[in-house]
N, C-alpha and C. Protein backbone atom coordinates (compact mmCIF):
# COMPACT_ATOMS: atom_id res chain seq x y z
N MET A 1 -139.84 -65.93 -109.60
CA MET A 1 -140.80 -65.84 -108.40
C MET A 1 -142.17 -66.82 -108.88
N ASN A 2 -142.28 -67.71 -107.96
CA ASN A 2 -143.44 -68.67 -108.45
C ASN A 2 -144.46 -68.60 -107.24
N ASN A 3 -145.55 -67.73 -107.23
CA ASN A 3 -146.60 -67.53 -106.45
C ASN A 3 -147.88 -68.40 -106.76
N LYS A 4 -147.89 -69.60 -106.30
CA LYS A 4 -149.01 -70.37 -106.56
C LYS A 4 -150.18 -69.81 -105.72
N PHE A 5 -151.38 -69.75 -106.14
CA PHE A 5 -152.70 -69.59 -105.28
C PHE A 5 -153.17 -70.93 -104.77
N THR A 6 -153.51 -70.88 -103.55
CA THR A 6 -154.11 -72.22 -102.89
C THR A 6 -155.54 -71.68 -102.39
N TYR A 7 -156.41 -72.44 -102.20
CA TYR A 7 -157.82 -72.09 -101.74
C TYR A 7 -158.03 -73.11 -100.63
N THR A 8 -158.81 -72.54 -99.73
CA THR A 8 -159.34 -73.43 -98.65
C THR A 8 -160.73 -73.31 -98.42
N ILE A 9 -161.60 -74.33 -98.62
CA ILE A 9 -162.99 -74.07 -98.46
C ILE A 9 -163.40 -74.75 -97.09
N LYS A 10 -164.19 -74.00 -96.30
CA LYS A 10 -164.68 -74.52 -95.28
C LYS A 10 -166.25 -74.27 -95.01
N ARG A 11 -166.90 -75.50 -94.37
CA ARG A 11 -168.35 -75.45 -94.21
C ARG A 11 -168.54 -75.33 -92.66
N THR A 12 -169.24 -74.40 -92.00
CA THR A 12 -169.54 -74.36 -90.72
C THR A 12 -171.25 -74.10 -90.62
N ARG A 13 -171.76 -75.13 -89.83
CA ARG A 13 -173.18 -74.92 -89.40
C ARG A 13 -173.69 -73.63 -88.70
N PHE A 14 -174.52 -73.02 -89.09
CA PHE A 14 -174.89 -71.74 -88.58
C PHE A 14 -176.08 -72.34 -87.68
N ASP A 15 -175.87 -72.45 -86.26
CA ASP A 15 -177.09 -72.79 -85.44
C ASP A 15 -176.82 -72.21 -84.06
N GLU A 16 -177.30 -72.37 -83.18
CA GLU A 16 -177.23 -71.83 -81.87
C GLU A 16 -175.87 -71.92 -81.05
N ASN A 17 -175.20 -72.88 -81.80
CA ASN A 17 -173.48 -73.11 -81.32
C ASN A 17 -172.71 -72.43 -82.09
N TYR A 18 -173.01 -71.81 -83.15
CA TYR A 18 -172.13 -71.02 -83.94
C TYR A 18 -171.17 -70.14 -83.28
N ASN A 19 -169.85 -70.27 -83.43
CA ASN A 19 -168.77 -69.28 -82.93
C ASN A 19 -168.24 -68.80 -84.09
N PRO A 20 -168.04 -67.31 -84.50
CA PRO A 20 -167.44 -67.06 -85.74
C PRO A 20 -165.89 -67.09 -85.37
N ALA A 21 -165.11 -67.38 -86.55
CA ALA A 21 -163.76 -67.46 -86.45
C ALA A 21 -163.32 -66.01 -86.12
N GLU A 22 -162.25 -66.04 -85.78
CA GLU A 22 -161.51 -64.60 -85.23
C GLU A 22 -161.23 -63.86 -86.27
N ASN A 23 -160.86 -64.27 -87.64
CA ASN A 23 -160.59 -63.44 -88.91
C ASN A 23 -162.04 -63.34 -89.78
N THR A 24 -163.24 -63.54 -88.98
CA THR A 24 -164.46 -63.26 -89.65
C THR A 24 -164.73 -61.76 -89.43
N ARG A 25 -165.02 -61.25 -90.80
CA ARG A 25 -165.19 -59.69 -90.79
C ARG A 25 -166.33 -59.14 -89.92
N ILE A 26 -166.14 -58.27 -89.27
CA ILE A 26 -167.02 -57.59 -88.23
C ILE A 26 -168.30 -57.14 -89.05
N THR A 27 -168.12 -56.99 -90.31
CA THR A 27 -169.49 -56.31 -91.12
C THR A 27 -170.37 -57.52 -91.38
N THR A 28 -169.88 -58.71 -91.13
CA THR A 28 -170.82 -60.08 -91.45
C THR A 28 -171.76 -60.08 -90.45
N ASN A 29 -173.21 -59.78 -90.67
CA ASN A 29 -174.16 -59.63 -89.73
C ASN A 29 -174.42 -61.07 -89.03
N PHE A 30 -174.16 -62.29 -89.44
CA PHE A 30 -174.46 -63.45 -88.68
C PHE A 30 -173.35 -63.53 -87.64
N ALA A 31 -172.32 -63.06 -87.96
CA ALA A 31 -171.02 -63.01 -86.93
C ALA A 31 -171.37 -62.13 -85.90
N ASN A 32 -171.99 -61.04 -86.17
CA ASN A 32 -172.12 -60.20 -85.03
C ASN A 32 -173.20 -60.64 -84.08
N LEU A 33 -174.21 -61.39 -84.61
CA LEU A 33 -175.25 -62.10 -83.78
C LEU A 33 -174.52 -63.01 -82.80
N ALA A 34 -173.45 -63.46 -83.16
CA ALA A 34 -172.99 -64.72 -82.47
C ALA A 34 -171.73 -64.07 -81.55
N ARG A 35 -171.77 -62.95 -81.35
CA ARG A 35 -170.78 -62.34 -80.37
C ARG A 35 -171.42 -61.61 -79.24
N GLY A 36 -171.02 -61.47 -78.05
CA GLY A 36 -171.29 -60.99 -76.84
C GLY A 36 -172.02 -62.11 -75.88
N VAL A 37 -172.38 -61.52 -74.86
CA VAL A 37 -172.93 -62.18 -73.61
C VAL A 37 -174.17 -62.77 -74.06
N ASN A 38 -175.02 -62.40 -74.81
CA ASN A 38 -176.47 -63.05 -75.38
C ASN A 38 -176.23 -63.65 -76.73
N ARG A 39 -175.08 -64.29 -77.15
CA ARG A 39 -175.09 -64.87 -78.47
C ARG A 39 -175.76 -65.90 -78.44
N GLU A 40 -176.09 -66.66 -77.72
CA GLU A 40 -176.72 -67.99 -77.88
C GLU A 40 -178.30 -67.62 -78.14
N GLU A 41 -178.64 -66.96 -77.23
CA GLU A 41 -180.09 -66.17 -77.30
C GLU A 41 -180.38 -65.70 -78.51
N ASN A 42 -179.34 -64.64 -79.16
CA ASN A 42 -179.42 -64.17 -80.29
C ASN A 42 -179.64 -65.21 -81.61
N LEU A 43 -178.82 -66.16 -81.37
CA LEU A 43 -178.84 -67.16 -82.48
C LEU A 43 -180.18 -67.89 -82.35
N ARG A 44 -180.58 -68.37 -81.46
CA ARG A 44 -181.76 -69.09 -81.12
C ARG A 44 -183.01 -68.28 -81.66
N ASN A 45 -183.14 -67.14 -81.19
CA ASN A 45 -184.13 -66.15 -81.86
C ASN A 45 -184.01 -65.78 -83.32
N THR A 46 -182.97 -65.64 -83.68
CA THR A 46 -182.70 -65.64 -85.19
C THR A 46 -183.21 -66.88 -86.09
N LEU A 47 -182.82 -67.95 -85.61
CA LEU A 47 -183.19 -69.26 -85.96
C LEU A 47 -184.81 -69.43 -85.88
N ILE A 48 -185.28 -69.22 -84.91
CA ILE A 48 -186.75 -69.25 -84.72
C ILE A 48 -187.44 -68.30 -85.62
N MET A 49 -186.91 -67.17 -85.86
CA MET A 49 -187.59 -66.18 -86.79
C MET A 49 -187.70 -66.59 -88.09
N MET A 50 -186.50 -67.12 -88.56
CA MET A 50 -186.42 -67.73 -90.00
C MET A 50 -187.33 -68.94 -90.14
N ASN A 51 -187.51 -69.71 -89.12
CA ASN A 51 -188.29 -70.81 -89.36
C ASN A 51 -189.61 -70.50 -89.37
N ASN A 52 -190.03 -69.55 -88.63
CA ASN A 52 -191.35 -68.86 -88.50
C ASN A 52 -192.03 -68.56 -89.82
N ARG A 53 -190.86 -67.66 -90.45
CA ARG A 53 -191.21 -66.95 -91.48
C ARG A 53 -191.43 -67.85 -92.77
N PHE A 54 -190.45 -68.78 -92.94
CA PHE A 54 -190.55 -69.64 -93.72
C PHE A 54 -191.84 -70.63 -93.89
N ASN A 55 -192.25 -71.01 -92.51
CA ASN A 55 -193.35 -71.78 -92.42
C ASN A 55 -194.76 -71.02 -92.98
N SER A 56 -194.46 -69.77 -92.55
CA SER A 56 -195.73 -68.70 -92.88
C SER A 56 -195.87 -68.66 -94.41
N LEU A 57 -194.84 -68.71 -95.13
CA LEU A 57 -194.66 -68.73 -96.63
C LEU A 57 -195.23 -69.91 -97.12
N ALA A 58 -194.84 -71.00 -96.63
CA ALA A 58 -195.43 -72.23 -97.10
C ALA A 58 -196.60 -72.70 -96.29
N HIS A 59 -197.82 -71.90 -96.32
CA HIS A 59 -198.92 -72.17 -95.53
C HIS A 59 -199.77 -73.26 -96.26
N TRP A 60 -199.85 -73.77 -97.67
CA TRP A 60 -200.75 -74.41 -98.35
C TRP A 60 -200.84 -75.94 -97.69
N ASP A 61 -199.69 -76.41 -97.06
CA ASP A 61 -199.78 -77.97 -96.61
C ASP A 61 -199.23 -77.90 -95.34
N ASN A 62 -199.30 -76.79 -94.78
CA ASN A 62 -198.71 -76.77 -93.36
C ASN A 62 -199.56 -75.87 -92.46
N PRO A 63 -200.74 -76.42 -92.01
CA PRO A 63 -201.78 -75.60 -91.16
C PRO A 63 -201.34 -75.25 -90.02
N HIS A 64 -200.31 -75.83 -89.15
CA HIS A 64 -199.88 -75.33 -87.99
C HIS A 64 -198.55 -74.67 -87.75
N ASN A 65 -198.11 -74.39 -89.28
CA ASN A 65 -196.87 -73.57 -89.42
C ASN A 65 -195.74 -74.09 -88.77
N ASP A 66 -195.45 -75.43 -88.72
CA ASP A 66 -194.28 -75.96 -88.09
C ASP A 66 -193.69 -77.08 -88.81
N ARG A 67 -193.94 -77.32 -90.05
CA ARG A 67 -193.63 -78.48 -90.83
C ARG A 67 -192.28 -78.30 -91.39
N TYR A 68 -191.82 -77.18 -91.53
CA TYR A 68 -190.46 -76.91 -92.17
C TYR A 68 -189.39 -76.25 -91.15
N ALA A 69 -188.07 -76.70 -91.53
CA ALA A 69 -187.03 -76.19 -90.52
C ALA A 69 -186.06 -75.64 -91.80
N VAL A 70 -185.54 -74.50 -91.48
CA VAL A 70 -184.35 -73.87 -92.31
C VAL A 70 -183.14 -74.23 -91.57
N GLU A 71 -182.16 -74.86 -92.35
CA GLU A 71 -180.79 -74.92 -91.89
C GLU A 71 -179.71 -74.21 -92.83
N LEU A 72 -178.93 -73.65 -92.20
CA LEU A 72 -178.08 -72.89 -92.94
C LEU A 72 -176.46 -73.20 -92.42
N ASP A 73 -175.89 -73.42 -93.74
CA ASP A 73 -174.20 -73.44 -93.60
C ASP A 73 -173.48 -72.36 -94.15
N ILE A 74 -172.41 -72.02 -93.43
CA ILE A 74 -171.67 -70.91 -93.87
C ILE A 74 -170.32 -71.58 -94.67
N ILE A 75 -170.49 -71.19 -96.16
CA ILE A 75 -169.33 -71.66 -96.69
C ILE A 75 -168.24 -70.44 -96.75
N SER A 76 -167.13 -70.92 -96.39
CA SER A 76 -166.07 -69.68 -96.41
C SER A 76 -164.71 -70.01 -97.32
N VAL A 77 -164.41 -69.12 -98.15
CA VAL A 77 -163.22 -69.49 -98.93
C VAL A 77 -162.20 -68.53 -98.49
N GLU A 78 -160.80 -69.29 -98.16
CA GLU A 78 -159.78 -68.40 -97.84
C GLU A 78 -158.85 -68.77 -98.95
N MET A 79 -158.06 -67.66 -99.20
CA MET A 79 -156.86 -67.75 -100.28
C MET A 79 -155.55 -67.64 -99.62
N ASN A 80 -154.48 -68.42 -100.30
CA ASN A 80 -153.05 -68.23 -99.60
C ASN A 80 -152.34 -67.98 -101.02
N ILE A 81 -151.59 -66.72 -100.99
CA ILE A 81 -150.84 -66.47 -102.37
C ILE A 81 -149.44 -67.08 -102.33
N ALA A 82 -148.86 -66.96 -101.17
CA ALA A 82 -147.41 -67.58 -101.15
C ALA A 82 -147.34 -68.59 -100.25
N GLN A 83 -146.54 -69.68 -100.32
CA GLN A 83 -146.76 -70.92 -99.50
C GLN A 83 -146.51 -70.60 -98.12
N ASP A 84 -145.71 -69.61 -97.55
CA ASP A 84 -145.33 -69.41 -96.26
C ASP A 84 -146.24 -68.29 -95.57
N SER A 85 -147.09 -67.64 -96.29
CA SER A 85 -147.80 -66.54 -95.94
C SER A 85 -149.17 -66.86 -95.28
N ALA A 86 -149.85 -66.20 -94.60
CA ALA A 86 -151.09 -66.51 -93.88
C ALA A 86 -151.95 -66.50 -94.90
N SER A 87 -153.23 -67.21 -94.72
CA SER A 87 -154.06 -67.13 -95.69
C SER A 87 -155.22 -66.00 -95.40
N PHE A 88 -155.97 -65.48 -96.05
CA PHE A 88 -156.96 -64.44 -95.81
C PHE A 88 -158.53 -64.81 -96.46
N PRO A 89 -159.58 -64.35 -95.69
CA PRO A 89 -160.94 -64.76 -96.45
C PRO A 89 -161.05 -64.04 -97.61
N VAL A 90 -161.82 -64.59 -98.50
CA VAL A 90 -161.88 -64.13 -99.81
C VAL A 90 -163.60 -63.74 -99.66
N ILE A 91 -164.32 -64.85 -99.51
CA ILE A 91 -165.74 -64.63 -99.55
C ILE A 91 -166.54 -65.69 -98.44
N GLU A 92 -167.84 -65.19 -98.18
CA GLU A 92 -168.57 -66.22 -97.54
C GLU A 92 -169.98 -66.14 -97.99
N ILE A 93 -170.56 -67.45 -98.23
CA ILE A 93 -171.84 -67.41 -98.60
C ILE A 93 -172.67 -68.32 -97.85
N LEU A 94 -173.72 -68.14 -97.82
CA LEU A 94 -174.84 -69.27 -97.04
C LEU A 94 -175.46 -70.19 -98.03
N GLN A 95 -175.09 -71.45 -97.67
CA GLN A 95 -176.11 -72.66 -98.19
C GLN A 95 -177.38 -73.10 -97.22
N THR A 96 -178.39 -72.93 -97.84
CA THR A 96 -179.65 -72.96 -97.20
C THR A 96 -180.19 -74.55 -97.57
N HIS A 97 -180.64 -75.13 -96.55
CA HIS A 97 -181.57 -76.32 -96.53
C HIS A 97 -182.66 -76.30 -95.87
N ILE A 98 -183.66 -76.74 -96.53
CA ILE A 98 -185.00 -76.68 -96.18
C ILE A 98 -185.29 -78.26 -95.81
N VAL A 99 -185.64 -78.35 -94.43
CA VAL A 99 -185.89 -79.74 -94.02
C VAL A 99 -187.38 -79.92 -93.68
N ASP A 100 -188.00 -80.89 -94.44
CA ASP A 100 -189.27 -81.11 -94.29
C ASP A 100 -189.48 -82.21 -93.13
N LYS A 101 -189.97 -81.67 -92.04
CA LYS A 101 -190.15 -82.34 -90.82
C LYS A 101 -191.40 -83.77 -91.02
N LYS A 102 -192.19 -83.26 -91.92
CA LYS A 102 -193.33 -84.18 -92.01
C LYS A 102 -192.91 -85.55 -92.60
N SER A 103 -192.02 -85.42 -93.63
CA SER A 103 -191.36 -86.50 -94.33
C SER A 103 -190.52 -87.20 -93.49
N GLY A 104 -189.81 -86.54 -92.67
CA GLY A 104 -188.86 -87.18 -91.88
C GLY A 104 -187.16 -86.99 -92.38
N GLY A 105 -187.05 -85.71 -93.10
CA GLY A 105 -185.81 -85.49 -93.51
C GLY A 105 -185.80 -84.38 -94.44
N ALA A 106 -184.49 -84.17 -95.02
CA ALA A 106 -184.41 -83.08 -95.88
C ALA A 106 -184.85 -83.57 -97.30
N SER A 107 -186.08 -83.70 -97.49
CA SER A 107 -186.56 -84.12 -98.60
C SER A 107 -186.38 -82.85 -99.81
N CYS A 108 -186.36 -81.79 -99.26
CA CYS A 108 -186.46 -80.56 -100.03
C CYS A 108 -185.05 -79.79 -99.88
N ARG A 109 -184.15 -79.85 -100.76
CA ARG A 109 -182.89 -78.96 -100.42
C ARG A 109 -182.87 -77.93 -101.50
N TYR A 110 -182.64 -76.58 -100.96
CA TYR A 110 -182.80 -75.61 -101.97
C TYR A 110 -181.39 -74.68 -101.55
N ARG A 111 -180.75 -74.73 -102.66
CA ARG A 111 -179.20 -74.00 -102.55
C ARG A 111 -179.42 -72.81 -103.29
N ARG A 112 -179.09 -71.59 -102.52
CA ARG A 112 -178.99 -70.39 -103.04
C ARG A 112 -177.71 -69.84 -102.87
N GLN A 113 -177.24 -69.37 -103.95
CA GLN A 113 -175.67 -68.77 -103.99
C GLN A 113 -175.65 -67.70 -104.75
């Protein structure tokens, strides 16, 4: 019996258009925000809250609290044990990007894993 493990890594942007996959665990907070009738509003409010909080923490060169934007990617890893079986989710982590709107781009990228 030869069971090779294969992995699939997927990157999904977490923004107001985010739609969780069907196999995303219901315990994933970001996925729960993106379900239901008010999903876009929930996502938009969450992103605004994160941006506001980050800007309030980076106040020394940010007098109007609008210089930075937080962008998130969801990195998902799925594993397949047997070639003919369905894959299953192993882990999801967030990759964070801090965009400096004053300098015109993602001059500061911060990865937290």
